[in-house]
Protein backbone atom coordinates (compact mmCIF):
# COMPACT_ATOMS: atom_id res chain seq x y z
CA GLY A 1 19.37 -47.25 -35.51
CA VAL A 2 16.07 -46.81 -33.59
CA GLN A 3 17.65 -47.82 -30.32
CA VAL A 4 20.36 -45.11 -30.71
CA LEU A 5 17.70 -42.51 -31.51
CA TYR A 6 15.92 -43.41 -28.37
CA GLU A 7 19.04 -43.42 -26.17
CA PHE A 8 20.05 -40.01 -27.19
CA ALA A 9 16.59 -38.44 -27.18
CA VAL A 10 16.31 -35.72 -24.46
CA ASP A 11 12.79 -36.81 -23.51
CA ALA A 12 13.32 -40.57 -23.61
CA GLY A 13 11.88 -42.38 -20.59
CA THR A 14 10.01 -39.32 -19.14
CA MET A 15 6.34 -39.31 -18.19
CA GLU A 16 5.81 -35.73 -19.55
CA ARG A 17 4.40 -35.36 -23.16
CA SER A 18 7.08 -34.66 -25.65
CA ARG A 19 7.31 -32.90 -29.04
CA TYR A 20 10.35 -34.94 -30.12
CA PHE A 21 8.56 -35.91 -33.36
CA GLY A 22 7.04 -32.39 -33.77
CA PHE A 23 3.58 -33.62 -32.51
CA SER A 24 2.76 -34.23 -28.86
CA SER A 25 3.37 -37.78 -27.87
CA ASP A 26 4.66 -39.92 -24.96
CA MET A 27 8.28 -40.96 -24.82
CA TYR A 28 8.10 -43.26 -21.78
CA HIS A 29 7.95 -46.76 -23.31
CA TYR A 30 10.51 -47.75 -25.92
CA ASP A 31 8.11 -49.79 -27.90
CA HIS A 32 5.81 -46.64 -28.36
CA PHE A 33 8.86 -44.61 -29.42
CA GLN A 34 9.98 -47.44 -31.82
CA GLY A 35 6.56 -47.57 -33.55
CA LYS A 36 6.63 -43.71 -34.09
CA ALA A 37 10.21 -43.67 -35.21
CA LEU A 38 9.77 -46.51 -37.78
CA ASN A 39 6.62 -44.68 -39.12
CA HIS A 40 7.72 -41.03 -39.07
CA MET A 41 11.65 -41.52 -39.49
CA ASN A 42 11.61 -44.38 -42.09
CA GLY A 43 13.56 -42.25 -44.54
CA LEU A 44 16.30 -41.94 -41.87
CA VAL A 45 16.38 -45.48 -40.58
CA SER A 46 18.48 -47.64 -42.87
CA CYS A 47 19.36 -44.72 -45.13
CA GLN A 48 22.05 -45.12 -47.81
CA SER A 49 23.76 -41.88 -46.89
CA TRP A 50 23.32 -38.51 -45.07
CA GLU A 51 24.89 -35.09 -45.15
CA ILE A 52 24.66 -32.24 -42.65
CA GLU A 53 23.93 -29.29 -44.90
CA GLU A 54 23.57 -26.53 -42.32
CA GLU A 55 23.85 -26.13 -38.62
CA PHE A 56 23.19 -22.93 -36.58
CA VAL A 57 22.61 -21.85 -32.96
CA ARG A 58 18.92 -20.74 -32.44
CA ASP A 59 18.05 -17.72 -30.40
CA ASP A 60 17.12 -20.18 -27.49
CA GLY A 61 20.66 -21.57 -27.54
CA ARG A 62 19.82 -24.95 -29.04
CA THR A 63 21.50 -25.97 -32.26
CA GLN A 64 19.34 -26.77 -35.32
CA CYS A 65 20.87 -29.12 -38.03
CA HIS A 66 19.56 -29.58 -41.50
CA VAL A 67 20.38 -33.12 -42.76
CA LYS A 68 19.81 -34.41 -46.29
CA VAL A 69 19.38 -38.12 -46.50
CA LEU A 70 19.33 -40.62 -49.32
CA ASP A 71 16.73 -43.20 -48.10
CA LYS A 72 16.90 -46.87 -48.81
CA ALA A 73 14.90 -46.41 -52.04
CA GLY A 74 17.29 -43.73 -53.39
CA LYS A 75 14.93 -40.72 -52.61
CA GLU A 76 16.19 -37.49 -51.11
CA ARG A 77 14.66 -36.62 -47.75
CA PHE A 78 15.26 -33.80 -45.48
CA PHE A 79 15.33 -33.90 -41.68
CA ILE A 80 15.60 -31.17 -38.92
CA PHE A 81 17.34 -31.95 -35.76
CA ILE A 82 17.14 -29.70 -32.69
CA MET A 83 20.15 -30.60 -30.58
CA VAL A 84 21.33 -29.76 -26.94
CA VAL A 85 24.26 -30.71 -24.83
CA ARG A 86 23.04 -32.62 -21.74
CA SER A 87 24.00 -31.05 -18.44
CA PHE A 88 23.34 -34.11 -16.27
CA GLY A 89 22.69 -37.87 -16.35
CA LYS A 90 24.46 -40.59 -18.17
CA TRP A 91 24.80 -38.58 -21.37
CA GLU A 92 26.19 -35.44 -19.52
CA ASN A 93 28.22 -33.22 -21.86
CA CYS A 94 27.00 -35.20 -24.90
CA TRP A 95 24.92 -33.96 -27.82
CA ASN A 96 21.36 -35.17 -27.52
CA THR A 97 18.35 -34.71 -29.82
CA HIS A 98 15.63 -32.62 -28.45
CA ARG A 99 13.37 -32.55 -31.54
CA LEU A 100 13.64 -34.47 -34.84
CA PHE A 101 11.22 -34.40 -37.77
CA GLU A 102 11.13 -34.66 -41.54
CA ALA A 103 11.04 -31.34 -43.35
CA GLU A 104 8.42 -30.73 -46.11
CA ASP A 105 10.94 -29.68 -48.64
CA ALA A 106 14.55 -29.02 -49.52
CA GLU A 107 14.27 -25.55 -47.93
CA TYR A 108 13.67 -27.22 -44.62
CA ASN A 109 10.24 -25.83 -44.06
CA SER A 110 7.95 -27.61 -41.52
CA LYS A 111 4.77 -27.02 -39.72
CA TYR A 112 6.48 -28.38 -36.60
CA LEU A 113 9.01 -25.60 -36.31
CA GLN A 114 6.42 -23.35 -34.65
CA PHE A 115 6.43 -25.98 -31.71
CA VAL A 116 10.15 -26.55 -31.14
């Protein structure tokens, strides 16, 4: 779960600040990422099921996906993935997550969309 999120995160292992989770944070150390992921993505980690409800190409060329999740407690949660295809490195030509955060509601509103 969390290790896969980290491996396919565009900013994983970089020294620059990242907005992967919507807010500015470091992505250099896996243990820092793990703590943030388990805190902010707890509805996604160990979920019962998930469904991609919508995907579209943004004006900047990245793909935005809206994903409905049934968390381990049976509650519906909503996540926004901003995806890119990597052009270099070990994940060249693979989809990677540039941003990932929980939406505030089923309409996929989020205060973090302004920072993506």
